[in-house]
Amino acid sequence: MKLKLARTTLKAKPKTIELQKIEDELANRSIFYFDKDNSHKELKELIEYFEEKGFSVYMREVKYGLDDNEYIYEVHIIA
């Protein structure tokens, strides 16, 4: 499954990342930011994937502006 990482600027296109790459990076970091273009279903699948592997996962929406469409997803994956 491919997910879109959060944009670094408002006009940039989001970069994609595979689940395996996220799993490989868990040794270095545990917080990931995903773009609002990801569906809620995809993020639920991400959570279920890592919970089945024994990780604790926490997800929340982070608003960065006043508009309802100005948000990203913050996901904590903890061993």
C-alpha atoms as a PDB file:
ATOM      1  CA  MET A   1       0.000   0.000   0.000  1.00  0.00           C
ATOM      2  CA  LYS A   2       1.232   3.493  -0.828  1.00  0.00           C
ATOM      3  CA  LEU A   3       0.442   6.495   1.358  1.00  0.00           C
ATOM      4  CA  LYS A   4       1.066  10.175   0.701  1.00  0.00           C
ATOM      5  CA  LEU A   5       3.351  12.017   3.093  1.00  0.00           C
ATOM      6  CA  ALA A   6       2.403  15.533   4.188  1.00  0.00           C
ATOM      7  CA  ARG A   7       3.339  18.324   1.805  1.00  0.00           C
ATOM      8  CA  THR A   8       6.259  20.517   2.785  1.00  0.00           C
ATOM      9  CA  THR A   9       4.696  23.613   1.166  1.00  0.00           C
ATOM     10  CA  LEU A  10       1.115  24.474   0.247  1.00  0.00           C
ATOM     11  CA  LYS A  11       1.707  24.171  -3.506  1.00  0.00           C
ATOM     12  CA  ALA A  12       3.948  21.084  -3.437  1.00  0.00           C
ATOM     13  CA  LYS A  13       2.713  17.658  -4.450  1.00  0.00           C
ATOM     14  CA  PRO A  14       2.765  15.014  -1.709  1.00  0.00           C
ATOM     15  CA  LYS A  15       5.435  12.300  -1.917  1.00  0.00           C
ATOM     16  CA  THR A  16       4.405   8.655  -1.581  1.00  0.00           C
ATOM     17  CA  ILE A  17       5.801   6.038   0.774  1.00  0.00           C
ATOM     18  CA  GLU A  18       5.307   2.266   1.022  1.00  0.00           C
ATOM     19  CA  LEU A  19       4.364   0.472   4.241  1.00  0.00           C
ATOM     20  CA  GLN A  20       7.658  -1.442   4.176  1.00  0.00           C
ATOM     21  CA  LYS A  21       9.624   1.840   4.039  1.00  0.00           C
ATOM     22  CA  ILE A  22       7.680   3.139   7.063  1.00  0.00           C
ATOM     23  CA  GLU A  23       8.490  -0.073   8.921  1.00  0.00           C
ATOM     24  CA  ASP A  24      12.193   0.278   8.030  1.00  0.00           C
ATOM     25  CA  GLU A  25      12.249   3.873   9.332  1.00  0.00           C
ATOM     26  CA  LEU A  26      10.746   2.956  12.716  1.00  0.00           C
ATOM     27  CA  ALA A  27      14.244   2.421  14.088  1.00  0.00           C
ATOM     28  CA  ASN A  28      14.975   6.132  13.539  1.00  0.00           C
ATOM     29  CA  ARG A  29      11.630   7.833  14.177  1.00  0.00           C
ATOM     30  CA  SER A  30       8.142   7.042  15.414  1.00  0.00           C
ATOM     31  CA  ILE A  31       6.081  10.035  14.206  1.00  0.00           C
ATOM     32  CA  PHE A  32       4.910  10.321  10.603  1.00  0.00           C
ATOM     33  CA  TYR A  33       2.848  13.051   8.948  1.00  0.00           C
ATOM     34  CA  PHE A  34       0.459  12.117   6.144  1.00  0.00           C
ATOM     35  CA  ASP A  35      -1.358  14.301   3.633  1.00  0.00           C
ATOM     36  CA  LYS A  36      -5.095  14.977   3.751  1.00  0.00           C
ATOM     37  CA  ASP A  37      -5.387  13.315   0.304  1.00  0.00           C
ATOM     38  CA  ASN A  38      -5.080   9.896   1.977  1.00  0.00           C
ATOM     39  CA  SER A  39      -8.441   8.288   2.593  1.00  0.00           C
ATOM     40  CA  HIS A  40      -9.501   7.524   6.136  1.00  0.00           C
ATOM     41  CA  LYS A  41      -9.812   3.879   5.069  1.00  0.00           C
ATOM     42  CA  GLU A  42      -6.144   3.768   4.007  1.00  0.00           C
ATOM     43  CA  LEU A  43      -5.025   5.201   7.335  1.00  0.00           C
ATOM     44  CA  LYS A  44      -7.175   2.686   9.233  1.00  0.00           C
ATOM     45  CA  GLU A  45      -5.466  -0.091   7.236  1.00  0.00           C
ATOM     46  CA  LEU A  46      -2.079   1.395   8.230  1.00  0.00           C
ATOM     47  CA  ILE A  47      -3.114   1.338  11.894  1.00  0.00           C
ATOM     48  CA  GLU A  48      -4.383  -2.251  11.680  1.00  0.00           C
ATOM     49  CA  TYR A  49      -1.209  -3.364   9.868  1.00  0.00           C
ATOM     50  CA  PHE A  50       1.087  -2.107  12.629  1.00  0.00           C
ATOM     51  CA  GLU A  51      -1.194  -3.168  15.491  1.00  0.00           C
ATOM     52  CA  GLU A  52      -1.147  -6.739  14.113  1.00  0.00           C
ATOM     53  CA  LYS A  53       2.661  -6.566  14.294  1.00  0.00           C
ATOM     54  CA  GLY A  54       2.516  -5.590  17.983  1.00  0.00           C
ATOM     55  CA  PHE A  55       2.954  -1.819  17.731  1.00  0.00           C
ATOM     56  CA  SER A  56       0.845   0.803  19.487  1.00  0.00           C
ATOM     57  CA  VAL A  57      -0.517   3.320  16.976  1.00  0.00           C
ATOM     58  CA  TYR A  58      -2.103   6.720  17.624  1.00  0.00           C
ATOM     59  CA  MET A  59      -3.537   8.949  14.882  1.00  0.00           C
ATOM     60  CA  ARG A  60      -4.963  12.462  14.997  1.00  0.00           C
ATOM     61  CA  GLU A  61      -5.772  15.326  12.656  1.00  0.00           C
ATOM     62  CA  VAL A  62      -3.585  18.413  12.978  1.00  0.00           C
ATOM     63  CA  LYS A  63      -5.082  21.662  11.691  1.00  0.00           C
ATOM     64  CA  TYR A  64      -2.597  24.212  10.374  1.00  0.00           C
ATOM     65  CA  GLY A  65      -5.038  26.892   9.203  1.00  0.00           C
ATOM     66  CA  LEU A  66      -8.530  28.241   9.713  1.00  0.00           C
ATOM     67  CA  ASP A  67     -10.072  26.483   6.709  1.00  0.00           C
ATOM     68  CA  ASP A  68     -11.656  23.047   7.289  1.00  0.00           C
ATOM     69  CA  ASN A  69      -9.488  21.581   4.511  1.00  0.00           C
ATOM     70  CA  GLU A  70      -6.195  22.687   6.072  1.00  0.00           C
ATOM     71  CA  TYR A  71      -5.117  19.649   8.041  1.00  0.00           C
ATOM     72  CA  ILE A  72      -2.706  16.720   7.998  1.00  0.00           C
ATOM     73  CA  TYR A  73      -2.677  13.396   9.810  1.00  0.00           C
ATOM     74  CA  GLU A  74      -0.142  12.778  12.557  1.00  0.00           C
ATOM     75  CA  VAL A  75       0.559   9.108  13.246  1.00  0.00           C
ATOM     76  CA  HIS A  76       2.626   7.805  16.184  1.00  0.00           C
ATOM     77  CA  ILE A  77       3.878   4.229  15.871  1.00  0.00           C
ATOM     78  CA  ILE A  78       5.452   2.960  19.077  1.00  0.00           C
ATOM     79  CA  ALA A  79       6.998  -0.464  19.737  1.00  0.00           C
END
